[in-house]
Amino acid sequence: MRFTIIIFISALLMSACSTGQNNTSSKTIKLKQNEGEYTLLKEGKGKSSSPGDYILFSLLVKGNDGKTYADRRSESKWAMDKVRDIDSTTQAIVEMLSYLKEGDSIKMAVPLDKTQKQQGLENVDTLFYFIQLEKVMDEAEKEARNKEMMSEKQAKIEAGKVREKEVASLVDSLLTEYKSGKMDGKLQKTTNGVEYYIVEKGNGPKVETGNNVKVAYFGVLKDNGKLFDNSFGRGEDIEFNAGQGMMIKGWDEAMLDLQKGDKAILFIPYNLAYGEQGRPPVIPAKSDLVFYIEVNEVNK
């Protein structure tokens, strides 16, 4: 069971239908097939793509409401797309991507169709895409990269499984200490009642609303300590934007009290988790939850 993020990149790409963002201090380029334009913020010096090539690009998507709706700026999250011939059915963003060369950085405004808004975008009129083309690859280079990524992922999974056992033992010990009252006087509390204990203090930047963070976690039911989900066994942190409703309320609150490098255990009441309904069959109704977390990255 993974936490649900309110939007997916592929859906965003397919929803792009028109553009309109002017920036007189940067170079504005009009699309040829679609109406609209994009702003070239920085011109790269790398090679251009051709139909059949694959492109890797970093991506940040923000709404006119100030919220971040997608952040794929870290290398492991870069998006990949195959370059196709441009025709009358080509979406505006796909057309724009085909014109970029390695190193190009652009901004593109995408007004949303009011009659076809996706869940989570009801109050958003425009999405702003910030894209940098990182690499152009042929088929062989794409396959080599995929193989390398799979090898790295497997190594992380194996290392994560070792940590998983260590963390399971730690969480069991901390939960026992909490229930016995030995943590009394050591616990801190958020405004709405999330209790937390700092296991190890970090020295990195404090988490602020909207920051993109990467967090390792291990979640158990408070009443019996039963594991329901953890990221250690997968060898991959969860990545989200703090305080913007991408996670359960208890996480959103607690994260804003933490900083990079913190290792903490959170005790979250059910009303700040999955509520009266729970998330059957894994999380029963009215379940208070416990999360051990490690804040590994904080990106402003």
C-alpha atoms as a PDB file:
ATOM      1  CA  MET A   1       0.000   0.000   0.000  1.00  0.00           C
ATOM      2  CA  ARG A   2       1.551   3.244  -1.121  1.00  0.00           C
ATOM      3  CA  PHE A   3       0.423   6.723  -0.204  1.00  0.00           C
ATOM      4  CA  THR A   4      -1.621   8.285  -2.976  1.00  0.00           C
ATOM      5  CA  ILE A   5      -0.354  11.412  -4.697  1.00  0.00           C
ATOM      6  CA  ILE A   6      -3.096  13.488  -6.240  1.00  0.00           C
ATOM      7  CA  ILE A   7      -1.730  13.680  -9.765  1.00  0.00           C
ATOM      8  CA  PHE A   8       0.277  11.633 -12.261  1.00  0.00           C
ATOM      9  CA  ILE A   9       2.753  13.005 -14.771  1.00  0.00           C
ATOM     10  CA  SER A  10       1.433  11.070 -17.748  1.00  0.00           C
ATOM     11  CA  ALA A  11      -2.047  12.414 -17.170  1.00  0.00           C
ATOM     12  CA  LEU A  12      -0.652  15.925 -16.946  1.00  0.00           C
ATOM     13  CA  LEU A  13       1.110  15.569 -20.265  1.00  0.00           C
ATOM     14  CA  MET A  14      -2.024  14.345 -21.997  1.00  0.00           C
ATOM     15  CA  SER A  15      -4.140  17.133 -20.506  1.00  0.00           C
ATOM     16  CA  ALA A  16      -2.032  19.897 -22.032  1.00  0.00           C
ATOM     17  CA  CYS A  17      -4.042  21.449 -24.844  1.00  0.00           C
ATOM     18  CA  SER A  18      -2.973  25.101 -25.201  1.00  0.00           C
ATOM     19  CA  THR A  19      -0.453  27.619 -23.903  1.00  0.00           C
ATOM     20  CA  GLY A  20       0.016  31.294 -23.243  1.00  0.00           C
ATOM     21  CA  GLN A  21       2.824  32.726 -21.156  1.00  0.00           C
ATOM     22  CA  ASN A  22       4.883  35.768 -22.123  1.00  0.00           C
ATOM     23  CA  ASN A  23       8.176  36.779 -20.544  1.00  0.00           C
ATOM     24  CA  THR A  24       9.748  39.755 -22.292  1.00  0.00           C
ATOM     25  CA  SER A  25      13.130  39.175 -20.626  1.00  0.00           C
ATOM     26  CA  SER A  26      13.461  35.703 -22.169  1.00  0.00           C
ATOM     27  CA  LYS A  27      13.165  34.244 -25.636  1.00  0.00           C
ATOM     28  CA  THR A  28       9.591  33.349 -26.580  1.00  0.00           C
ATOM     29  CA  ILE A  29       9.088  30.634 -29.192  1.00  0.00           C
ATOM     30  CA  LYS A  30       5.780  29.967 -30.920  1.00  0.00           C
ATOM     31  CA  LEU A  31       4.631  26.443 -31.634  1.00  0.00           C
ATOM     32  CA  LYS A  32       4.143  25.448 -35.268  1.00  0.00           C
ATOM     33  CA  GLN A  33       1.401  22.809 -35.102  1.00  0.00           C
ATOM     34  CA  ASN A  34      -0.498  24.016 -32.028  1.00  0.00           C
ATOM     35  CA  GLU A  35      -1.513  27.488 -30.967  1.00  0.00           C
ATOM     36  CA  GLY A  36       0.624  28.753 -28.129  1.00  0.00           C
ATOM     37  CA  GLU A  37       4.227  29.327 -27.161  1.00  0.00           C
ATOM     38  CA  TYR A  38       6.892  28.579 -24.596  1.00  0.00           C
ATOM     39  CA  THR A  39       9.636  30.630 -22.982  1.00  0.00           C
ATOM     40  CA  LEU A  40      13.251  29.545 -23.406  1.00  0.00           C
ATOM     41  CA  LEU A  41      14.857  30.369 -20.055  1.00  0.00           C
ATOM     42  CA  LYS A  42      18.284  28.932 -20.871  1.00  0.00           C
ATOM     43  CA  GLU A  43      19.631  27.687 -24.183  1.00  0.00           C
ATOM     44  CA  GLY A  44      21.598  24.470 -24.061  1.00  0.00           C
ATOM     45  CA  LYS A  45      24.579  23.462 -26.150  1.00  0.00           C
ATOM     46  CA  GLY A  46      23.797  19.767 -26.563  1.00  0.00           C
ATOM     47  CA  LYS A  47      22.372  17.775 -29.438  1.00  0.00           C
ATOM     48  CA  SER A  48      18.834  17.964 -30.779  1.00  0.00           C
ATOM     49  CA  SER A  49      16.459  15.000 -30.992  1.00  0.00           C
ATOM     50  CA  SER A  50      14.920  13.301 -34.012  1.00  0.00           C
ATOM     51  CA  PRO A  51      11.823  11.090 -34.323  1.00  0.00           C
ATOM     52  CA  GLY A  52      12.662   7.710 -32.818  1.00  0.00           C
ATOM     53  CA  ASP A  53      15.051   9.134 -30.221  1.00  0.00           C
ATOM     54  CA  TYR A  54      14.310   9.052 -26.507  1.00  0.00           C
ATOM     55  CA  ILE A  55      14.559  12.151 -24.343  1.00  0.00           C
ATOM     56  CA  LEU A  56      15.134  12.458 -20.614  1.00  0.00           C
ATOM     57  CA  PHE A  57      13.846  15.606 -18.980  1.00  0.00           C
ATOM     58  CA  SER A  58      13.494  17.015 -15.488  1.00  0.00           C
ATOM     59  CA  LEU A  59      10.138  18.531 -14.670  1.00  0.00           C
ATOM     60  CA  LEU A  60       8.489  20.836 -12.148  1.00  0.00           C
ATOM     61  CA  VAL A  61       4.762  21.594 -12.400  1.00  0.00           C
ATOM     62  CA  LYS A  62       3.224  24.411 -10.357  1.00  0.00           C
ATOM     63  CA  GLY A  63      -0.320  25.746 -10.352  1.00  0.00           C
ATOM     64  CA  ASN A  64      -1.508  29.339 -10.370  1.00  0.00           C
ATOM     65  CA  ASP A  65      -2.583  28.614  -6.773  1.00  0.00           C
ATOM     66  CA  GLY A  66       1.102  28.420  -5.792  1.00  0.00           C
ATOM     67  CA  LYS A  67       1.088  24.675  -5.127  1.00  0.00           C
ATOM     68  CA  THR A  68       3.534  22.199  -6.631  1.00  0.00           C
ATOM     69  CA  TYR A  69       1.753  19.381  -8.457  1.00  0.00           C
ATOM     70  CA  ALA A  70       4.734  17.410  -9.729  1.00  0.00           C
ATOM     71  CA  ASP A  71       8.443  17.496  -9.022  1.00  0.00           C
ATOM     72  CA  ARG A  72      10.746  15.253 -11.024  1.00  0.00           C
ATOM     73  CA  ARG A  73      13.951  17.256 -10.792  1.00  0.00           C
ATOM     74  CA  SER A  74      16.040  14.541  -9.130  1.00  0.00           C
ATOM     75  CA  GLU A  75      17.792  12.257 -11.627  1.00  0.00           C
ATOM     76  CA  SER A  76      16.064   9.081 -10.466  1.00  0.00           C
ATOM     77  CA  LYS A  77      12.706  10.742 -11.234  1.00  0.00           C
ATOM     78  CA  TRP A  78      13.478  12.189 -14.669  1.00  0.00           C
ATOM     79  CA  ALA A  79      10.722  11.560 -17.178  1.00  0.00           C
ATOM     80  CA  MET A  80      11.360   9.740 -20.445  1.00  0.00           C
ATOM     81  CA  ASP A  81       9.483  10.102 -23.710  1.00  0.00           C
ATOM     82  CA  LYS A  82       9.929   8.889 -27.261  1.00  0.00           C
ATOM     83  CA  VAL A  83      10.156  11.615 -29.895  1.00  0.00           C
ATOM     84  CA  ARG A  84       7.504  11.271 -32.581  1.00  0.00           C
ATOM     85  CA  ASP A  85       6.661  13.003 -35.834  1.00  0.00           C
ATOM     86  CA  ILE A  86       4.528  16.105 -35.279  1.00  0.00           C
ATOM     87  CA  ASP A  87       1.032  16.068 -36.771  1.00  0.00           C
ATOM     88  CA  SER A  88      -2.424  17.528 -36.130  1.00  0.00           C
ATOM     89  CA  THR A  89      -3.039  15.174 -33.183  1.00  0.00           C
ATOM     90  CA  THR A  90       0.154  16.093 -31.310  1.00  0.00           C
ATOM     91  CA  GLN A  91      -0.387  17.740 -27.931  1.00  0.00           C
ATOM     92  CA  ALA A  92       1.264  21.113 -27.325  1.00  0.00           C
ATOM     93  CA  ILE A  93       3.727  19.937 -24.677  1.00  0.00           C
ATOM     94  CA  VAL A  94       4.761  16.939 -26.779  1.00  0.00           C
ATOM     95  CA  GLU A  95       5.379  19.270 -29.730  1.00  0.00           C
ATOM     96  CA  MET A  96       7.436  21.612 -27.563  1.00  0.00           C
ATOM     97  CA  LEU A  97       9.590  18.752 -26.249  1.00  0.00           C
ATOM     98  CA  SER A  98      10.475  17.723 -29.791  1.00  0.00           C
ATOM     99  CA  TYR A  99      12.058  21.150 -30.436  1.00  0.00           C
ATOM    100  CA  LEU A 100      14.409  21.126 -27.441  1.00  0.00           C
ATOM    101  CA  LYS A 101      18.081  20.208 -27.400  1.00  0.00           C
ATOM    102  CA  GLU A 102      20.162  18.983 -24.496  1.00  0.00           C
ATOM    103  CA  GLY A 103      20.516  21.666 -21.836  1.00  0.00           C
ATOM    104  CA  ASP A 104      17.512  23.744 -22.928  1.00  0.00           C
ATOM    105  CA  SER A 105      15.415  24.995 -20.005  1.00  0.00           C
ATOM    106  CA  ILE A 106      11.888  26.255 -20.644  1.00  0.00           C
ATOM    107  CA  LYS A 107       8.702  27.486 -19.005  1.00  0.00           C
ATOM    108  CA  MET A 108       5.301  26.774 -20.497  1.00  0.00           C
ATOM    109  CA  ALA A 109       1.886  27.859 -19.236  1.00  0.00           C
ATOM    110  CA  VAL A 110      -0.989  25.444 -19.815  1.00  0.00           C
ATOM    111  CA  PRO A 111      -4.538  26.741 -19.237  1.00  0.00           C
ATOM    112  CA  LEU A 112      -6.820  23.918 -18.092  1.00  0.00           C
ATOM    113  CA  ASP A 113     -10.117  23.029 -19.714  1.00  0.00           C
ATOM    114  CA  LYS A 114     -12.712  23.932 -17.070  1.00  0.00           C
ATOM    115  CA  THR A 115     -14.999  21.110 -18.201  1.00  0.00           C
ATOM    116  CA  GLN A 116     -12.340  18.390 -17.980  1.00  0.00           C
ATOM    117  CA  LYS A 117     -10.398  19.157 -14.804  1.00  0.00           C
ATOM    118  CA  GLN A 118      -8.858  16.199 -13.010  1.00  0.00           C
ATOM    119  CA  GLN A 119      -9.358  15.444  -9.338  1.00  0.00           C
ATOM    120  CA  GLY A 120      -7.198  17.758  -7.246  1.00  0.00           C
ATOM    121  CA  LEU A 121      -7.144  20.510  -9.875  1.00  0.00           C
ATOM    122  CA  GLU A 122     -10.639  21.893  -9.343  1.00  0.00           C
ATOM    123  CA  ASN A 123      -9.307  25.270  -8.147  1.00  0.00           C
ATOM    124  CA  VAL A 124      -6.478  25.527 -10.680  1.00  0.00           C
ATOM    125  CA  ASP A 125      -6.854  27.513 -13.900  1.00  0.00           C
ATOM    126  CA  THR A 126      -3.284  27.259 -15.207  1.00  0.00           C
ATOM    127  CA  LEU A 127      -0.372  24.853 -14.773  1.00  0.00           C
ATOM    128  CA  PHE A 128       3.169  26.125 -15.251  1.00  0.00           C
ATOM    129  CA  TYR A 129       5.642  23.561 -16.554  1.00  0.00           C
ATOM    130  CA  PHE A 130       9.361  24.100 -15.907  1.00  0.00           C
ATOM    131  CA  ILE A 131      11.275  21.595 -18.024  1.00  0.00           C
ATOM    132  CA  GLN A 132      14.937  20.990 -18.738  1.00  0.00           C
ATOM    133  CA  LEU A 133      16.018  18.529 -21.424  1.00  0.00           C
ATOM    134  CA  GLU A 134      18.748  16.480 -19.779  1.00  0.00           C
ATOM    135  CA  LYS A 135      19.696  13.926 -22.419  1.00  0.00           C
ATOM    136  CA  VAL A 136      18.899  12.701 -25.927  1.00  0.00           C
ATOM    137  CA  MET A 137      19.362   8.943 -26.413  1.00  0.00           C
ATOM    138  CA  ASP A 138      19.047   6.400 -29.165  1.00  0.00           C
ATOM    139  CA  GLU A 139      17.551   2.937 -28.589  1.00  0.00           C
ATOM    140  CA  ALA A 140      20.833   1.390 -27.446  1.00  0.00           C
ATOM    141  CA  GLU A 141      21.562   4.216 -24.992  1.00  0.00           C
ATOM    142  CA  LYS A 142      18.039   3.973 -23.625  1.00  0.00           C
ATOM    143  CA  GLU A 143      18.374   0.228 -23.024  1.00  0.00           C
ATOM    144  CA  ALA A 144      21.776   0.710 -21.375  1.00  0.00           C
ATOM    145  CA  ARG A 145      20.358   3.351 -19.042  1.00  0.00           C
ATOM    146  CA  ASN A 146      17.372   1.170 -18.147  1.00  0.00           C
ATOM    147  CA  LYS A 147      19.717  -1.701 -17.330  1.00  0.00           C
ATOM    148  CA  GLU A 148      21.876   0.546 -15.166  1.00  0.00           C
ATOM    149  CA  MET A 149      18.832   1.934 -13.347  1.00  0.00           C
ATOM    150  CA  MET A 150      17.513  -1.581 -12.671  1.00  0.00           C
ATOM    151  CA  SER A 151      20.885  -2.651 -11.285  1.00  0.00           C
ATOM    152  CA  GLU A 152      21.020   0.379  -8.992  1.00  0.00           C
ATOM    153  CA  LYS A 153      17.446  -0.234  -7.852  1.00  0.00           C
ATOM    154  CA  GLN A 154      18.173  -3.868  -7.005  1.00  0.00           C
ATOM    155  CA  ALA A 155      21.203  -2.839  -4.956  1.00  0.00           C
ATOM    156  CA  LYS A 156      19.053  -0.352  -3.042  1.00  0.00           C
ATOM    157  CA  ILE A 157      16.395  -3.004  -2.401  1.00  0.00           C
ATOM    158  CA  GLU A 158      18.970  -5.425  -0.997  1.00  0.00           C
ATOM    159  CA  ALA A 159      20.460  -2.745   1.262  1.00  0.00           C
ATOM    160  CA  GLY A 160      16.961  -1.658   2.260  1.00  0.00           C
ATOM    161  CA  LYS A 161      15.991  -5.153   3.382  1.00  0.00           C
ATOM    162  CA  VAL A 162      18.910  -5.156   5.809  1.00  0.00           C
ATOM    163  CA  ARG A 163      17.787  -1.798   7.205  1.00  0.00           C
ATOM    164  CA  GLU A 164      14.187  -3.029   7.330  1.00  0.00           C
ATOM    165  CA  LYS A 165      15.070  -5.630   9.968  1.00  0.00           C
ATOM    166  CA  GLU A 166      17.022  -3.100  12.024  1.00  0.00           C
ATOM    167  CA  VAL A 167      14.216  -0.547  11.875  1.00  0.00           C
ATOM    168  CA  ALA A 168      11.559  -3.150  12.778  1.00  0.00           C
ATOM    169  CA  SER A 169      13.439  -3.923  15.983  1.00  0.00           C
ATOM    170  CA  LEU A 170      13.863  -0.213  16.770  1.00  0.00           C
ATOM    171  CA  VAL A 171      10.170   0.560  16.212  1.00  0.00           C
ATOM    172  CA  ASP A 172       9.120  -2.349  18.437  1.00  0.00           C
ATOM    173  CA  SER A 173      11.371  -1.033  21.203  1.00  0.00           C
ATOM    174  CA  LEU A 174      10.183   2.569  20.846  1.00  0.00           C
ATOM    175  CA  LEU A 175       6.504   1.603  20.813  1.00  0.00           C
ATOM    176  CA  THR A 176       6.984  -0.463  23.977  1.00  0.00           C
ATOM    177  CA  GLU A 177       8.711   2.499  25.606  1.00  0.00           C
ATOM    178  CA  TYR A 178       5.863   4.802  24.541  1.00  0.00           C
ATOM    179  CA  LYS A 179       3.135   2.526  25.916  1.00  0.00           C
ATOM    180  CA  SER A 180       4.971   2.074  29.224  1.00  0.00           C
ATOM    181  CA  GLY A 181       5.116   5.837  29.759  1.00  0.00           C
ATOM    182  CA  LYS A 182       8.904   6.025  29.550  1.00  0.00           C
ATOM    183  CA  MET A 183       8.618   8.632  26.796  1.00  0.00           C
ATOM    184  CA  ASP A 184       6.548  10.963  28.949  1.00  0.00           C
ATOM    185  CA  GLY A 185       8.295  14.312  29.091  1.00  0.00           C
ATOM    186  CA  LYS A 186      10.279  13.557  25.931  1.00  0.00           C
ATOM    187  CA  LEU A 187       7.411  13.788  23.462  1.00  0.00           C
ATOM    188  CA  GLN A 188       6.611  16.873  21.430  1.00  0.00           C
ATOM    189  CA  LYS A 189       3.184  17.611  19.998  1.00  0.00           C
ATOM    190  CA  THR A 190       1.828  19.383  16.912  1.00  0.00           C
ATOM    191  CA  THR A 191      -1.106  21.793  17.021  1.00  0.00           C
ATOM    192  CA  ASN A 192      -3.713  19.117  16.314  1.00  0.00           C
ATOM    193  CA  GLY A 193      -2.286  16.325  18.412  1.00  0.00           C
ATOM    194  CA  VAL A 194       0.421  14.364  16.589  1.00  0.00           C
ATOM    195  CA  GLU A 195       2.952  13.256  19.200  1.00  0.00           C
ATOM    196  CA  TYR A 196       6.510  12.718  18.069  1.00  0.00           C
ATOM    197  CA  TYR A 197       9.904  11.864  19.498  1.00  0.00           C
ATOM    198  CA  ILE A 198      13.196  12.787  17.844  1.00  0.00           C
ATOM    199  CA  VAL A 199      15.310   9.625  17.803  1.00  0.00           C
ATOM    200  CA  GLU A 200      18.255  11.371  16.165  1.00  0.00           C
ATOM    201  CA  LYS A 201      18.518  15.084  15.426  1.00  0.00           C
ATOM    202  CA  GLY A 202      19.586  16.220  11.980  1.00  0.00           C
ATOM    203  CA  ASN A 203      21.440  19.403  11.083  1.00  0.00           C
ATOM    204  CA  GLY A 204      19.991  20.176   7.658  1.00  0.00           C
ATOM    205  CA  PRO A 205      17.449  22.765   6.535  1.00  0.00           C
ATOM    206  CA  LYS A 206      14.041  22.880   8.194  1.00  0.00           C
ATOM    207  CA  VAL A 207      11.091  21.583   6.198  1.00  0.00           C
ATOM    208  CA  GLU A 208       8.764  24.335   4.988  1.00  0.00           C
ATOM    209  CA  THR A 209       5.412  24.174   3.214  1.00  0.00           C
ATOM    210  CA  GLY A 210       5.892  23.254  -0.431  1.00  0.00           C
ATOM    211  CA  ASN A 211       9.405  21.846  -0.023  1.00  0.00           C
ATOM    212  CA  ASN A 212      10.031  18.660  -1.971  1.00  0.00           C
ATOM    213  CA  VAL A 213      11.167  16.036   0.529  1.00  0.00           C
ATOM    214  CA  LYS A 214      12.349  12.436   0.419  1.00  0.00           C
ATOM    215  CA  VAL A 215      11.488  10.336   3.441  1.00  0.00           C
ATOM    216  CA  ALA A 216      12.054   6.714   4.427  1.00  0.00           C
ATOM    217  CA  TYR A 217       9.261   5.328   6.619  1.00  0.00           C
ATOM    218  CA  PHE A 218       8.091   2.281   8.578  1.00  0.00           C
ATOM    219  CA  GLY A 219       4.422   2.234   9.605  1.00  0.00           C
ATOM    220  CA  VAL A 220       2.706   0.050  12.216  1.00  0.00           C
ATOM    221  CA  LEU A 221      -0.653  -0.035  13.965  1.00  0.00           C
ATOM    222  CA  LYS A 222      -0.406   1.561  17.389  1.00  0.00           C
ATOM    223  CA  ASP A 223      -2.555  -0.977  19.216  1.00  0.00           C
ATOM    224  CA  ASN A 224      -0.628  -4.122  18.252  1.00  0.00           C
ATOM    225  CA  GLY A 225       2.519  -2.983  16.431  1.00  0.00           C
ATOM    226  CA  LYS A 226       1.550  -4.786  13.224  1.00  0.00           C
ATOM    227  CA  LEU A 227       3.425  -3.574  10.154  1.00  0.00           C
ATOM    228  CA  PHE A 228       1.202  -2.248   7.359  1.00  0.00           C
ATOM    229  CA  ASP A 229       3.698  -0.511   5.062  1.00  0.00           C
ATOM    230  CA  ASN A 230       7.318   0.561   4.826  1.00  0.00           C
ATOM    231  CA  SER A 231       9.713   2.007   2.273  1.00  0.00           C
ATOM    232  CA  PHE A 232      12.888   0.356   3.543  1.00  0.00           C
ATOM    233  CA  GLY A 233      12.054  -3.012   2.001  1.00  0.00           C
ATOM    234  CA  ARG A 234      11.526  -1.337  -1.369  1.00  0.00           C
ATOM    235  CA  GLY A 235      14.837   0.496  -1.156  1.00  0.00           C
ATOM    236  CA  GLU A 236      13.187   3.739  -2.221  1.00  0.00           C
ATOM    237  CA  ASP A 237      12.141   6.808  -0.245  1.00  0.00           C
ATOM    238  CA  ILE A 238       8.733   8.354  -0.714  1.00  0.00           C
ATOM    239  CA  GLU A 239       8.916  11.783  -2.368  1.00  0.00           C
ATOM    240  CA  PHE A 240       6.288  14.486  -1.883  1.00  0.00           C
ATOM    241  CA  ASN A 241       5.737  18.179  -1.268  1.00  0.00           C
ATOM    242  CA  ALA A 242       5.372  18.925   2.425  1.00  0.00           C
ATOM    243  CA  GLY A 243       2.216  20.481   3.820  1.00  0.00           C
ATOM    244  CA  GLN A 244       0.243  20.418   0.569  1.00  0.00           C
ATOM    245  CA  GLY A 245      -2.220  17.594   1.139  1.00  0.00           C
ATOM    246  CA  MET A 246      -0.295  14.867  -0.669  1.00  0.00           C
ATOM    247  CA  MET A 247      -0.058  12.846   2.546  1.00  0.00           C
ATOM    248  CA  ILE A 248      -2.305  12.130   5.523  1.00  0.00           C
ATOM    249  CA  LYS A 249      -2.880  15.148   7.764  1.00  0.00           C
ATOM    250  CA  GLY A 250      -0.670  13.809  10.539  1.00  0.00           C
ATOM    251  CA  TRP A 251       2.300  13.633   8.199  1.00  0.00           C
ATOM    252  CA  ASP A 252       1.673  17.115   6.824  1.00  0.00           C
ATOM    253  CA  GLU A 253       1.664  18.557  10.352  1.00  0.00           C
ATOM    254  CA  ALA A 254       4.645  16.668  11.732  1.00  0.00           C
ATOM    255  CA  MET A 255       6.870  17.225   8.699  1.00  0.00           C
ATOM    256  CA  LEU A 256       6.764  20.994   9.216  1.00  0.00           C
ATOM    257  CA  ASP A 257       8.375  20.505  12.644  1.00  0.00           C
ATOM    258  CA  LEU A 258      11.288  18.507  11.238  1.00  0.00           C
ATOM    259  CA  GLN A 259      14.498  19.135   9.309  1.00  0.00           C
ATOM    260  CA  LYS A 260      16.807  17.227   6.994  1.00  0.00           C
ATOM    261  CA  GLY A 261      18.592  14.432   8.808  1.00  0.00           C
ATOM    262  CA  ASP A 262      15.967  14.013  11.515  1.00  0.00           C
ATOM    263  CA  LYS A 263      15.010  10.486  12.522  1.00  0.00           C
ATOM    264  CA  ALA A 264      11.734  10.509  14.411  1.00  0.00           C
ATOM    265  CA  ILE A 265       8.819   8.375  15.486  1.00  0.00           C
ATOM    266  CA  LEU A 266       5.311   9.779  15.014  1.00  0.00           C
ATOM    267  CA  PHE A 267       2.199   8.781  16.949  1.00  0.00           C
ATOM    268  CA  ILE A 268      -0.764   9.811  14.812  1.00  0.00           C
ATOM    269  CA  PRO A 269      -4.398   9.694  16.034  1.00  0.00           C
ATOM    270  CA  TYR A 270      -6.850   8.137  13.611  1.00  0.00           C
ATOM    271  CA  ASN A 271      -8.587  11.451  12.866  1.00  0.00           C
ATOM    272  CA  LEU A 272      -5.292  12.702  11.372  1.00  0.00           C
ATOM    273  CA  ALA A 273      -4.653   9.421   9.557  1.00  0.00           C
ATOM    274  CA  TYR A 274      -7.324   7.432   7.689  1.00  0.00           C
ATOM    275  CA  GLY A 275     -10.258   8.455   9.870  1.00  0.00           C
ATOM    276  CA  GLU A 276     -13.176   6.396  11.070  1.00  0.00           C
ATOM    277  CA  GLN A 277     -13.256   4.284   7.914  1.00  0.00           C
ATOM    278  CA  GLY A 278      -9.577   3.273   8.000  1.00  0.00           C
ATOM    279  CA  ARG A 279      -8.199   1.585   4.902  1.00  0.00           C
ATOM    280  CA  PRO A 280      -9.443  -2.029   5.070  1.00  0.00           C
ATOM    281  CA  PRO A 281      -8.222  -4.679   5.105  1.00  0.00           C
ATOM    282  CA  VAL A 282      -4.745  -3.381   5.967  1.00  0.00           C
ATOM    283  CA  ILE A 283      -5.708  -0.538   8.307  1.00  0.00           C
ATOM    284  CA  PRO A 284      -8.852  -1.148  10.410  1.00  0.00           C
ATOM    285  CA  ALA A 285     -11.399   1.560  11.205  1.00  0.00           C
ATOM    286  CA  LYS A 286     -10.356   4.193  13.743  1.00  0.00           C
ATOM    287  CA  SER A 287      -6.725   3.056  13.754  1.00  0.00           C
ATOM    288  CA  ASP A 288      -4.106   5.191  15.464  1.00  0.00           C
ATOM    289  CA  LEU A 289      -0.843   4.831  13.552  1.00  0.00           C
ATOM    290  CA  VAL A 290       2.864   4.896  14.352  1.00  0.00           C
ATOM    291  CA  PHE A 291       5.514   5.879  11.814  1.00  0.00           C
ATOM    292  CA  TYR A 292       9.262   5.797  12.159  1.00  0.00           C
ATOM    293  CA  ILE A 293      10.651   8.210   9.561  1.00  0.00           C
ATOM    294  CA  GLU A 294      14.016   9.437   8.308  1.00  0.00           C
ATOM    295  CA  VAL A 295      14.077  12.799   6.519  1.00  0.00           C
ATOM    296  CA  ASN A 296      16.744  12.219   3.872  1.00  0.00           C
ATOM    297  CA  GLU A 297      16.297  15.179   1.518  1.00  0.00           C
ATOM    298  CA  VAL A 298      14.740  18.645   1.738  1.00  0.00           C
ATOM    299  CA  ASN A 299      14.690  20.624  -1.505  1.00  0.00           C
ATOM    300  CA  LYS A 300      13.587  24.239  -1.300  1.00  0.00           C
END
